[in-house]
Amino acid sequence: MRGAPPGSDHNIFYGLHAAMTRRNKEREPKEGWYPNQCLTPEESLRGYTSWGAYAAHEELETGILAPGRKADVTVMDLDPFVIGEEDPGALLSGNIEMTIVAGTVVHERNDHRSDH
């Protein structure tokens, strides 16, 4: 088998890709590393949201968007639910458009926008 087993780094798109396909960044191995462990797009996103909140014992405060909860939001340039079903490899080219923490925009991708 070529390449290292899939893992993760701080890139959410690679993390989602690895969770859904069990492949590394080079998309190896072709059949996936332990393919029976592939997660669905929903399970993969929950790993970054509600399941992460549960693991941190913060499931009553964060992890989902709901009234009265902390609302940190990340806006992506693709829909991981759709892409995850149709072409999970395309997740590797995703970008973060905006990050909102406690209601304040803390990151906004400007390299592709023009001011109108």
C-alpha atoms as a PDB file:
ATOM      1  CA  MET A   1       0.000   0.000   0.000  1.00  0.00           C
ATOM      2  CA  ARG A   2       1.312   3.420  -0.955  1.00  0.00           C
ATOM      3  CA  GLY A   3       1.127   6.545   1.130  1.00  0.00           C
ATOM      4  CA  ALA A   4       0.492   7.093   4.774  1.00  0.00           C
ATOM      5  CA  PRO A   5      -2.847   6.146   6.283  1.00  0.00           C
ATOM      6  CA  PRO A   6      -5.370   8.976   6.393  1.00  0.00           C
ATOM      7  CA  GLY A   7      -5.186  11.238   9.350  1.00  0.00           C
ATOM      8  CA  SER A   8      -5.947  14.820   9.969  1.00  0.00           C
ATOM      9  CA  ASP A   9      -4.329  18.165  10.339  1.00  0.00           C
ATOM     10  CA  HIS A  10      -5.939  21.494  11.113  1.00  0.00           C
ATOM     11  CA  ASN A  11      -7.618  21.632   7.702  1.00  0.00           C
ATOM     12  CA  ILE A  12     -11.290  20.771   8.192  1.00  0.00           C
ATOM     13  CA  PHE A  13     -11.670  19.830   4.535  1.00  0.00           C
ATOM     14  CA  TYR A  14      -8.948  17.196   4.799  1.00  0.00           C
ATOM     15  CA  GLY A  15     -10.448  15.966   8.062  1.00  0.00           C
ATOM     16  CA  LEU A  16     -13.872  15.588   6.458  1.00  0.00           C
ATOM     17  CA  HIS A  17     -12.366  13.904   3.397  1.00  0.00           C
ATOM     18  CA  ALA A  18     -10.396  11.440   5.542  1.00  0.00           C
ATOM     19  CA  ALA A  19     -13.438  10.645   7.670  1.00  0.00           C
ATOM     20  CA  MET A  20     -15.665   9.997   4.643  1.00  0.00           C
ATOM     21  CA  THR A  21     -13.189   8.147   2.435  1.00  0.00           C
ATOM     22  CA  ARG A  22     -10.510   6.820   4.829  1.00  0.00           C
ATOM     23  CA  ARG A  23      -7.950   8.112   2.285  1.00  0.00           C
ATOM     24  CA  ASN A  24      -4.983  10.429   2.691  1.00  0.00           C
ATOM     25  CA  LYS A  25      -4.380  13.703   0.824  1.00  0.00           C
ATOM     26  CA  GLU A  26      -3.032  11.785  -2.161  1.00  0.00           C
ATOM     27  CA  ARG A  27      -6.350   9.864  -2.194  1.00  0.00           C
ATOM     28  CA  GLU A  28      -4.603   6.655  -1.242  1.00  0.00           C
ATOM     29  CA  PRO A  29      -5.268   3.838  -0.734  1.00  0.00           C
ATOM     30  CA  LYS A  30      -7.822   3.638  -3.513  1.00  0.00           C
ATOM     31  CA  GLU A  31     -10.219   1.484  -1.496  1.00  0.00           C
ATOM     32  CA  GLY A  32      -9.619   3.443   1.709  1.00  0.00           C
ATOM     33  CA  TRP A  33      -7.814   2.488   4.912  1.00  0.00           C
ATOM     34  CA  TYR A  34     -10.264   0.201   6.752  1.00  0.00           C
ATOM     35  CA  PRO A  35     -13.111   1.306   4.437  1.00  0.00           C
ATOM     36  CA  ASN A  36     -15.713  -0.198   6.773  1.00  0.00           C
ATOM     37  CA  GLN A  37     -14.908   2.719   9.105  1.00  0.00           C
ATOM     38  CA  CYS A  38     -15.972   5.429   6.616  1.00  0.00           C
ATOM     39  CA  LEU A  39     -18.333   7.982   8.113  1.00  0.00           C
ATOM     40  CA  THR A  40     -21.281   9.579   6.347  1.00  0.00           C
ATOM     41  CA  PRO A  41     -21.143  13.297   5.594  1.00  0.00           C
ATOM     42  CA  GLU A  42     -23.506  13.928   8.514  1.00  0.00           C
ATOM     43  CA  GLU A  43     -21.394  11.881  10.934  1.00  0.00           C
ATOM     44  CA  SER A  44     -18.249  13.641   9.712  1.00  0.00           C
ATOM     45  CA  LEU A  45     -19.726  17.103  10.330  1.00  0.00           C
ATOM     46  CA  ARG A  46     -21.070  16.053  13.730  1.00  0.00           C
ATOM     47  CA  GLY A  47     -17.491  15.159  14.669  1.00  0.00           C
ATOM     48  CA  TYR A  48     -16.660  18.848  14.348  1.00  0.00           C
ATOM     49  CA  THR A  49     -19.885  20.130  15.923  1.00  0.00           C
ATOM     50  CA  SER A  50     -22.273  18.343  18.283  1.00  0.00           C
ATOM     51  CA  TRP A  51     -20.050  15.325  18.960  1.00  0.00           C
ATOM     52  CA  GLY A  52     -17.111  17.618  19.699  1.00  0.00           C
ATOM     53  CA  ALA A  53     -19.274  19.610  22.115  1.00  0.00           C
ATOM     54  CA  TYR A  54     -20.346  16.383  23.823  1.00  0.00           C
ATOM     55  CA  ALA A  55     -16.734  15.225  24.147  1.00  0.00           C
ATOM     56  CA  ALA A  56     -15.895  18.559  25.805  1.00  0.00           C
ATOM     57  CA  HIS A  57     -18.928  18.273  28.138  1.00  0.00           C
ATOM     58  CA  GLU A  58     -20.368  21.420  26.525  1.00  0.00           C
ATOM     59  CA  GLU A  59     -23.313  19.863  24.685  1.00  0.00           C
ATOM     60  CA  LEU A  60     -25.804  22.105  26.531  1.00  0.00           C
ATOM     61  CA  GLU A  61     -23.919  25.272  25.545  1.00  0.00           C
ATOM     62  CA  THR A  62     -22.572  24.709  22.045  1.00  0.00           C
ATOM     63  CA  GLY A  63     -22.332  22.216  19.176  1.00  0.00           C
ATOM     64  CA  ILE A  64     -25.558  23.157  17.399  1.00  0.00           C
ATOM     65  CA  LEU A  65     -27.180  26.426  16.385  1.00  0.00           C
ATOM     66  CA  ALA A  66     -30.058  26.991  18.794  1.00  0.00           C
ATOM     67  CA  PRO A  67     -31.451  29.882  20.858  1.00  0.00           C
ATOM     68  CA  GLY A  68     -29.450  30.501  24.026  1.00  0.00           C
ATOM     69  CA  ARG A  69     -26.356  28.611  22.874  1.00  0.00           C
ATOM     70  CA  LYS A  70     -22.967  29.945  21.843  1.00  0.00           C
ATOM     71  CA  ALA A  71     -23.082  30.504  18.120  1.00  0.00           C
ATOM     72  CA  ASP A  72     -19.676  30.190  16.509  1.00  0.00           C
ATOM     73  CA  VAL A  73     -20.167  29.716  12.772  1.00  0.00           C
ATOM     74  CA  THR A  74     -17.879  28.718   9.921  1.00  0.00           C
ATOM     75  CA  VAL A  75     -19.016  29.470   6.368  1.00  0.00           C
ATOM     76  CA  MET A  76     -17.593  27.204   3.646  1.00  0.00           C
ATOM     77  CA  ASP A  77     -17.542  27.704  -0.109  1.00  0.00           C
ATOM     78  CA  LEU A  78     -19.037  24.266  -0.646  1.00  0.00           C
ATOM     79  CA  ASP A  79     -21.725  22.110   0.916  1.00  0.00           C
ATOM     80  CA  PRO A  80     -19.993  19.178   2.632  1.00  0.00           C
ATOM     81  CA  PHE A  81     -23.246  17.204   2.720  1.00  0.00           C
ATOM     82  CA  VAL A  82     -23.687  17.378  -1.069  1.00  0.00           C
ATOM     83  CA  ILE A  83     -19.994  17.128  -1.996  1.00  0.00           C
ATOM     84  CA  GLY A  84     -19.496  14.328   0.541  1.00  0.00           C
ATOM     85  CA  GLU A  85     -22.141  12.251  -1.229  1.00  0.00           C
ATOM     86  CA  GLU A  86     -21.251  13.182  -4.808  1.00  0.00           C
ATOM     87  CA  ASP A  87     -17.451  13.602  -4.850  1.00  0.00           C
ATOM     88  CA  PRO A  88     -15.714  13.536  -1.443  1.00  0.00           C
ATOM     89  CA  GLY A  89     -12.349  14.142  -3.115  1.00  0.00           C
ATOM     90  CA  ALA A  90     -13.565  17.634  -4.041  1.00  0.00           C
ATOM     91  CA  LEU A  91     -13.619  18.476  -0.332  1.00  0.00           C
ATOM     92  CA  LEU A  92      -9.832  18.837  -0.527  1.00  0.00           C
ATOM     93  CA  SER A  93     -10.242  22.034  -2.566  1.00  0.00           C
ATOM     94  CA  GLY A  94     -12.687  23.704  -0.157  1.00  0.00           C
ATOM     95  CA  ASN A  95     -12.139  27.124   1.385  1.00  0.00           C
ATOM     96  CA  ILE A  96     -13.374  28.865   4.497  1.00  0.00           C
ATOM     97  CA  GLU A  97     -15.233  32.030   3.486  1.00  0.00           C
ATOM     98  CA  MET A  98     -15.961  33.419   6.937  1.00  0.00           C
ATOM     99  CA  THR A  99     -15.630  32.579  10.623  1.00  0.00           C
ATOM    100  CA  ILE A 100     -17.889  34.156  13.228  1.00  0.00           C
ATOM    101  CA  VAL A 101     -17.081  33.815  16.942  1.00  0.00           C
ATOM    102  CA  ALA A 102     -19.517  35.093  19.568  1.00  0.00           C
ATOM    103  CA  GLY A 103     -21.287  37.144  16.899  1.00  0.00           C
ATOM    104  CA  THR A 104     -18.124  38.834  15.614  1.00  0.00           C
ATOM    105  CA  VAL A 105     -16.609  38.143  12.203  1.00  0.00           C
ATOM    106  CA  VAL A 106     -13.037  37.116  12.994  1.00  0.00           C
ATOM    107  CA  HIS A 107     -12.069  35.921   9.510  1.00  0.00           C
ATOM    108  CA  GLU A 108     -13.325  36.776   6.063  1.00  0.00           C
ATOM    109  CA  ARG A 109     -11.785  35.550   2.843  1.00  0.00           C
ATOM    110  CA  ASN A 110     -11.335  38.533   0.554  1.00  0.00           C
ATOM    111  CA  ASP A 111      -9.010  37.264  -2.171  1.00  0.00           C
ATOM    112  CA  HIS A 112     -11.817  36.473  -4.611  1.00  0.00           C
ATOM    113  CA  ARG A 113     -14.308  39.274  -3.955  1.00  0.00           C
ATOM    114  CA  SER A 114     -14.672  42.748  -5.338  1.00  0.00           C
ATOM    115  CA  ASP A 115     -16.308  45.602  -3.442  1.00  0.00           C
ATOM    116  CA  HIS A 116     -19.617  46.622  -4.949  1.00  0.00           C
END
